Amino acid sequence: MYEYTPNSIKTIIRQLKGEIESKLTYTFEDKLKAAIENKQLMAEKIDRIKNRISKGENITIVAEGQSVCLAIKSAELLEKKGIQAEVIDVRTIKPMDYDTVFESVLKTGAIFSIEENMKRGGMGEMIASELRLRDIDVKMQIKAIDDEYITHASISDLNEKYGYTPEQIALDIERMLKS
């Protein structure tokens, strides 16, 4: 029977640690390569889809993140009133797929952007700036929070306070289109 000394135990632990680390690193690298390949495939699919969720003729609604669900529900309410909304999920703010957004805006002649964050420097202002640079003149409204301190409350209370409900957004769009 072999007697283990403190030094021999340390040597064994170092060897095992090295083997475990090499296996973990190998597994991590494989997973990382697979994730990168998958991300590239998904990017190609997203590019083909062009981020357009629904087609419409009267207004383009552009949204990001959780606001996309709000945009879809608002578009459904508008449809009941005879207003056809084209909903676009921009998916990424930078880089933004301006070509898809502006292709839609040129067709509808109006754009309503929804974002659940501050207006200054947000998605809506980026789109407005790019519209001006491309000399595209359309009606536009940005649904975002003005620069102010946001009180602490439940999400539903904040949505109600700032008008982030499908009913309020549909009403805002109707008013915008009539102006």
Foldseek 3Di string as FASTA:
>chain_A
DDDDDPVNVVVVVVVVVVVVVVVVVVVVVVVVVVVVVVVVVVVVVCVVVLQKDFDFQAEEEEEEDPLQVLVVLLQVVLVVVVGHYTYGYQHDLVVGPLVSVVVRCVRNQEYEYEDEEEPVPDSQVVNVVVCVVVVNDGHYDYQYDYPDDDDDDDPVVSCVVSVSHSVSVNVVVVVSSVD
